[in-house]
Amino acid sequence: MLGLDPETAVKRLETAGKPVRLVEVRSKKGGKGNDRRIIKTTETESETVVYWSAFKTEVTTPQSPDGDSDGLT
């Protein structure tokens, strides 16, 4: 399950007949991410708890003063 997106993980667990509870985990800074992934799972007697977090995986390249995107002058 680790590394999967939450929707895929929930579908797989529910197909296997397991009740699922999703828990979002955030950093104190609260940075915005664009890629949701499972970071931890635990099982209790009644359900599987799936912890997920959003990671920033799109990196923007700063523009250099001469207009190139390589950052070199």
N, C-alpha and C. Protein backbone atom coordinates (compact mmCIF):
# COMPACT_ATOMS: atom_id res chain seq x y z
N MET A 1 0.80 -1.20 0.00
CA MET A 1 0.00 0.00 0.00
C MET A 1 0.85 1.27 0.00
N LEU A 2 2.01 1.21 0.64
CA LEU A 2 2.83 2.42 0.76
C LEU A 2 3.17 2.97 -0.62
N GLY A 3 3.00 4.28 -0.76
CA GLY A 3 3.31 4.95 -2.01
C GLY A 3 2.15 5.04 -2.97
N LEU A 4 1.09 4.28 -2.75
CA LEU A 4 -0.08 4.36 -3.62
C LEU A 4 -0.87 5.63 -3.33
N ASP A 5 -1.71 6.04 -4.28
CA ASP A 5 -2.61 7.15 -3.99
C ASP A 5 -3.75 6.62 -3.13
N PRO A 6 -4.35 7.44 -2.29
CA PRO A 6 -5.38 6.98 -1.36
C PRO A 6 -6.57 6.28 -2.03
N GLU A 7 -6.99 6.76 -3.18
CA GLU A 7 -8.15 6.17 -3.85
C GLU A 7 -7.88 4.73 -4.26
N THR A 8 -6.69 4.46 -4.80
CA THR A 8 -6.32 3.10 -5.20
C THR A 8 -6.24 2.19 -3.99
N ALA A 9 -5.64 2.68 -2.91
CA ALA A 9 -5.50 1.88 -1.70
C ALA A 9 -6.87 1.51 -1.12
N VAL A 10 -7.78 2.48 -1.07
CA VAL A 10 -9.12 2.23 -0.52
C VAL A 10 -9.85 1.19 -1.38
N LYS A 11 -9.78 1.33 -2.70
CA LYS A 11 -10.44 0.37 -3.59
C LYS A 11 -9.92 -1.04 -3.35
N ARG A 12 -8.60 -1.18 -3.24
CA ARG A 12 -8.02 -2.51 -3.03
C ARG A 12 -8.47 -3.12 -1.70
N LEU A 13 -8.46 -2.31 -0.65
CA LEU A 13 -8.85 -2.83 0.66
C LEU A 13 -10.34 -3.16 0.71
N GLU A 14 -11.17 -2.30 0.14
CA GLU A 14 -12.61 -2.56 0.14
C GLU A 14 -12.96 -3.77 -0.71
N THR A 15 -12.24 -3.98 -1.80
CA THR A 15 -12.44 -5.17 -2.63
C THR A 15 -12.13 -6.43 -1.83
N ALA A 16 -11.14 -6.32 -0.94
CA ALA A 16 -10.78 -7.45 -0.08
C ALA A 16 -11.74 -7.59 1.11
N GLY A 17 -12.74 -6.70 1.20
CA GLY A 17 -13.74 -6.78 2.25
C GLY A 17 -13.34 -6.16 3.57
N LYS A 18 -12.36 -5.25 3.54
CA LYS A 18 -11.90 -4.62 4.77
C LYS A 18 -12.42 -3.19 4.88
N PRO A 19 -13.02 -2.82 6.03
CA PRO A 19 -13.42 -1.43 6.24
C PRO A 19 -12.17 -0.55 6.34
N VAL A 20 -12.25 0.65 5.78
CA VAL A 20 -11.09 1.53 5.71
C VAL A 20 -11.42 2.89 6.29
N ARG A 21 -10.45 3.45 7.01
CA ARG A 21 -10.56 4.84 7.49
C ARG A 21 -9.32 5.58 7.01
N LEU A 22 -9.53 6.69 6.31
CA LEU A 22 -8.43 7.52 5.81
C LEU A 22 -8.10 8.61 6.81
N VAL A 23 -6.80 8.84 7.03
CA VAL A 23 -6.35 9.91 7.92
C VAL A 23 -5.30 10.72 7.18
N GLU A 24 -5.54 12.02 7.07
CA GLU A 24 -4.57 12.90 6.41
C GLU A 24 -3.51 13.33 7.42
N VAL A 25 -2.25 13.32 6.99
CA VAL A 25 -1.13 13.75 7.82
C VAL A 25 -0.51 14.97 7.15
N ARG A 26 -0.32 16.04 7.94
CA ARG A 26 0.27 17.28 7.40
C ARG A 26 1.46 17.72 8.23
N SER A 27 2.35 18.47 7.60
CA SER A 27 3.47 19.03 8.34
C SER A 27 3.00 20.27 9.09
N LYS A 28 3.78 20.71 10.05
CA LYS A 28 3.41 21.91 10.80
C LYS A 28 3.38 23.14 9.91
N LYS A 29 4.25 23.16 8.90
CA LYS A 29 4.28 24.30 7.97
C LYS A 29 3.08 24.29 7.04
N GLY A 30 2.51 23.13 6.81
CA GLY A 30 1.31 23.05 5.99
C GLY A 30 1.55 23.33 4.52
N GLY A 31 2.68 22.91 3.99
CA GLY A 31 2.97 23.14 2.57
C GLY A 31 1.97 22.42 1.68
N LYS A 32 1.70 23.02 0.53
CA LYS A 32 0.73 22.42 -0.38
C LYS A 32 1.43 21.43 -1.29
N GLY A 33 0.82 20.28 -1.42
CA GLY A 33 1.36 19.24 -2.28
C GLY A 33 0.40 18.92 -3.41
N ASN A 34 0.91 18.27 -4.42
CA ASN A 34 0.09 17.92 -5.57
C ASN A 34 0.02 16.41 -5.81
N ASP A 35 0.75 15.63 -5.02
CA ASP A 35 0.81 14.19 -5.23
C ASP A 35 0.49 13.49 -3.91
N ARG A 36 -0.72 12.90 -3.82
CA ARG A 36 -1.15 12.25 -2.58
C ARG A 36 -0.67 10.81 -2.55
N ARG A 37 -0.05 10.41 -1.42
CA ARG A 37 0.48 9.06 -1.29
C ARG A 37 0.24 8.49 0.10
N ILE A 38 0.13 7.17 0.16
CA ILE A 38 0.01 6.48 1.44
C ILE A 38 1.38 6.44 2.10
N ILE A 39 1.43 6.81 3.39
CA ILE A 39 2.70 6.81 4.11
C ILE A 39 2.73 5.79 5.25
N LYS A 40 1.54 5.27 5.64
CA LYS A 40 1.49 4.32 6.75
C LYS A 40 0.13 3.64 6.75
N THR A 41 0.10 2.38 7.17
CA THR A 41 -1.17 1.71 7.40
C THR A 41 -1.10 0.94 8.71
N THR A 42 -2.21 0.87 9.40
CA THR A 42 -2.31 0.04 10.61
C THR A 42 -3.63 -0.70 10.56
N GLU A 43 -3.65 -1.87 11.16
CA GLU A 43 -4.89 -2.66 11.20
C GLU A 43 -5.35 -2.82 12.63
N THR A 44 -6.63 -2.61 12.85
CA THR A 44 -7.25 -2.88 14.14
C THR A 44 -8.20 -4.06 13.93
N GLU A 45 -8.88 -4.43 14.98
CA GLU A 45 -9.85 -5.53 14.86
C GLU A 45 -11.00 -5.17 13.93
N SER A 46 -11.33 -3.88 13.86
CA SER A 46 -12.52 -3.48 13.11
C SER A 46 -12.24 -2.80 11.78
N GLU A 47 -11.01 -2.33 11.54
CA GLU A 47 -10.76 -1.57 10.31
C GLU A 47 -9.26 -1.49 9.99
N THR A 48 -8.99 -1.04 8.77
CA THR A 48 -7.63 -0.71 8.37
C THR A 48 -7.54 0.81 8.31
N VAL A 49 -6.58 1.38 9.01
CA VAL A 49 -6.39 2.83 9.02
C VAL A 49 -5.27 3.14 8.03
N VAL A 50 -5.59 4.01 7.08
CA VAL A 50 -4.64 4.37 6.03
C VAL A 50 -4.28 5.85 6.20
N TYR A 51 -3.00 6.12 6.43
CA TYR A 51 -2.51 7.48 6.60
C TYR A 51 -1.91 7.96 5.29
N TRP A 52 -2.30 9.16 4.86
CA TRP A 52 -1.78 9.69 3.61
C TRP A 52 -1.33 11.13 3.80
N SER A 53 -0.47 11.55 2.88
CA SER A 53 0.03 12.92 2.89
C SER A 53 0.23 13.37 1.45
N ALA A 54 0.19 14.68 1.25
CA ALA A 54 0.41 15.24 -0.09
C ALA A 54 1.85 15.73 -0.18
N PHE A 55 2.50 15.34 -1.26
CA PHE A 55 3.89 15.72 -1.48
C PHE A 55 3.99 16.64 -2.68
N LYS A 56 4.88 17.60 -2.60
CA LYS A 56 5.11 18.50 -3.72
C LYS A 56 6.14 17.83 -4.63
N THR A 57 5.68 17.36 -5.78
CA THR A 57 6.57 16.67 -6.71
C THR A 57 6.83 17.46 -7.99
N GLU A 58 6.07 18.53 -8.20
CA GLU A 58 6.31 19.39 -9.36
C GLU A 58 7.25 20.51 -8.94
N VAL A 59 8.40 20.56 -9.59
CA VAL A 59 9.39 21.57 -9.24
C VAL A 59 9.37 22.65 -10.31
N THR A 60 9.31 23.89 -9.88
CA THR A 60 9.36 25.00 -10.83
C THR A 60 10.80 25.48 -10.93
N THR A 61 11.20 25.81 -12.15
CA THR A 61 12.56 26.28 -12.40
C THR A 61 12.54 27.80 -12.42
N PRO A 62 13.35 28.43 -11.57
CA PRO A 62 13.37 29.90 -11.58
C PRO A 62 13.97 30.44 -12.88
N GLN A 63 13.47 31.57 -13.29
CA GLN A 63 14.00 32.23 -14.50
C GLN A 63 15.24 33.04 -14.14
N SER A 64 16.25 32.93 -14.98
CA SER A 64 17.46 33.72 -14.78
C SER A 64 17.23 35.14 -15.32
N PRO A 65 18.09 36.08 -14.96
CA PRO A 65 17.93 37.46 -15.44
C PRO A 65 17.94 37.58 -16.96
N ASP A 66 18.63 36.65 -17.65
CA ASP A 66 18.68 36.75 -19.13
C ASP A 66 17.49 36.03 -19.80
N GLY A 67 16.53 35.55 -19.00
CA GLY A 67 15.32 34.95 -19.57
C GLY A 67 15.38 33.46 -19.77
N ASP A 68 16.55 32.85 -19.59
CA ASP A 68 16.65 31.39 -19.71
C ASP A 68 16.12 30.73 -18.44
N SER A 69 15.72 29.48 -18.58
CA SER A 69 15.19 28.78 -17.41
C SER A 69 16.25 27.96 -16.70
N ASP A 70 17.52 28.08 -17.12
CA ASP A 70 18.56 27.27 -16.49
C ASP A 70 19.12 27.92 -15.22
N GLY A 71 18.78 29.16 -14.98
CA GLY A 71 19.26 29.84 -13.78
C GLY A 71 20.69 30.34 -13.87
N LEU A 72 21.31 30.14 -15.02
CA LEU A 72 22.70 30.59 -15.20
C LEU A 72 22.72 31.87 -16.01
N THR A 73 23.68 32.74 -15.74
CA THR A 73 23.79 33.98 -16.51
C THR A 73 24.97 33.94 -17.42
